[in-house]
Amino acid sequence: MRNNYHLERAAILATLHHMVSVAHLTIEDRPAITHAITNYARGIAFTDALHHASYQNCDRKI
C-alpha cells in the first residue's frame, strides 16, 4: 500500500487496526495478524512481520 498508493505508515496502521477490531470480519489467524501489526508499527515491513508472526509456533530444524 505504501508503494502503490503512496500511503503513510500511520494511515496503513489505522486501517489495519480498524480491520482487526471489526467483530464480524473473519480473520484466519487474528493473533498472528495482531502481532504483525505491532511489529509493523515498530518499523518492520508488514510482509516480514507477518511471516515472522506466522511461524511463531514452528519448531526450528537445522
C-alpha atoms as a PDB file:
ATOM      1  CA  MET A   1       0.000   0.000   0.000  1.00  0.00           C
ATOM      2  CA  ARG A   2       2.892   2.330   0.668  1.00  0.00           C
ATOM      3  CA  ASN A   3       4.448   1.881  -2.758  1.00  0.00           C
ATOM      4  CA  ASN A   4       1.369   1.611  -4.975  1.00  0.00           C
ATOM      5  CA  TYR A   5      -0.907   4.082  -3.217  1.00  0.00           C
ATOM      6  CA  HIS A   6       1.719   6.260  -1.516  1.00  0.00           C
ATOM      7  CA  LEU A   7       0.072   5.897   1.879  1.00  0.00           C
ATOM      8  CA  GLU A   8       1.934   6.756   5.048  1.00  0.00           C
ATOM      9  CA  ARG A   9       2.642   4.053   7.628  1.00  0.00           C
ATOM     10  CA  ALA A  10       0.266   5.757  10.091  1.00  0.00           C
ATOM     11  CA  ALA A  11      -2.654   5.542   7.657  1.00  0.00           C
ATOM     12  CA  ILE A  12      -1.912   1.882   6.953  1.00  0.00           C
ATOM     13  CA  LEU A  13      -1.692   1.140  10.677  1.00  0.00           C
ATOM     14  CA  ALA A  14      -5.015   2.871  11.306  1.00  0.00           C
ATOM     15  CA  THR A  15      -6.627   0.755   8.598  1.00  0.00           C
ATOM     16  CA  LEU A  16      -5.121  -2.494   9.900  1.00  0.00           C
ATOM     17  CA  HIS A  17      -6.163  -1.705  13.490  1.00  0.00           C
ATOM     18  CA  HIS A  18      -9.685  -0.982  12.294  1.00  0.00           C
ATOM     19  CA  MET A  19      -9.854  -4.238  10.353  1.00  0.00           C
ATOM     20  CA  VAL A  20      -8.888  -6.392  13.353  1.00  0.00           C
ATOM     21  CA  SER A  21     -11.355  -4.519  15.546  1.00  0.00           C
ATOM     22  CA  VAL A  22     -14.358  -5.349  13.349  1.00  0.00           C
ATOM     23  CA  ALA A  23     -16.079  -8.258  15.083  1.00  0.00           C
ATOM     24  CA  HIS A  24     -17.901  -9.632  12.046  1.00  0.00           C
ATOM     25  CA  LEU A  25     -14.747  -9.705   9.889  1.00  0.00           C
ATOM     26  CA  THR A  26     -13.289 -13.210   9.790  1.00  0.00           C
ATOM     27  CA  ILE A  27      -9.514 -13.233  10.121  1.00  0.00           C
ATOM     28  CA  GLU A  28      -7.768 -16.579   9.732  1.00  0.00           C
ATOM     29  CA  ASP A  29      -5.143 -16.058  12.446  1.00  0.00           C
ATOM     30  CA  ARG A  30      -6.060 -12.945  14.409  1.00  0.00           C
ATOM     31  CA  PRO A  31      -3.219 -13.295  16.973  1.00  0.00           C
ATOM     32  CA  ALA A  32      -0.623 -13.537  14.193  1.00  0.00           C
ATOM     33  CA  ILE A  33      -2.089 -10.516  12.399  1.00  0.00           C
ATOM     34  CA  THR A  34      -2.147  -8.524  15.641  1.00  0.00           C
ATOM     35  CA  HIS A  35       1.480  -9.472  16.309  1.00  0.00           C
ATOM     36  CA  ALA A  36       2.434  -8.485  12.753  1.00  0.00           C
ATOM     37  CA  ILE A  37       0.702  -5.121  13.126  1.00  0.00           C
ATOM     38  CA  THR A  38       2.629  -4.481  16.339  1.00  0.00           C
ATOM     39  CA  ASN A  39       5.929  -5.233  14.619  1.00  0.00           C
ATOM     40  CA  TYR A  40       4.942  -3.167  11.579  1.00  0.00           C
ATOM     41  CA  ALA A  41       4.348  -0.251  13.938  1.00  0.00           C
ATOM     42  CA  ARG A  42       7.899  -0.775  15.233  1.00  0.00           C
ATOM     43  CA  GLY A  43       9.298  -0.357  11.727  1.00  0.00           C
ATOM     44  CA  ILE A  44       9.440  -3.869  10.285  1.00  0.00           C
ATOM     45  CA  ALA A  45       7.994  -4.308   6.790  1.00  0.00           C
ATOM     46  CA  PHE A  46       4.491  -5.774   7.131  1.00  0.00           C
ATOM     47  CA  THR A  47       5.219  -8.783   4.932  1.00  0.00           C
ATOM     48  CA  ASP A  48       8.274  -9.645   7.029  1.00  0.00           C
ATOM     49  CA  ALA A  49       6.328  -9.073  10.243  1.00  0.00           C
ATOM     50  CA  LEU A  50       3.527 -11.330   9.022  1.00  0.00           C
ATOM     51  CA  HIS A  51       5.922 -14.112   8.033  1.00  0.00           C
ATOM     52  CA  HIS A  52       7.604 -13.869  11.424  1.00  0.00           C
ATOM     53  CA  ALA A  53       4.283 -13.941  13.281  1.00  0.00           C
ATOM     54  CA  SER A  54       3.035 -16.894  11.226  1.00  0.00           C
ATOM     55  CA  TYR A  55       6.000 -19.044  12.198  1.00  0.00           C
ATOM     56  CA  GLN A  56       5.880 -18.403  15.954  1.00  0.00           C
ATOM     57  CA  ASN A  57       4.747 -21.966  16.704  1.00  0.00           C
ATOM     58  CA  CYS A  58       7.077 -23.779  14.293  1.00  0.00           C
ATOM     59  CA  ASP A  59       9.906 -25.934  15.510  1.00  0.00           C
ATOM     60  CA  ARG A  60      13.380 -24.932  14.453  1.00  0.00           C
ATOM     61  CA  LYS A  61      15.133 -27.674  12.495  1.00  0.00           C
ATOM     62  CA  ILE A  62      18.599 -27.417  11.071  1.00  0.00           C
END
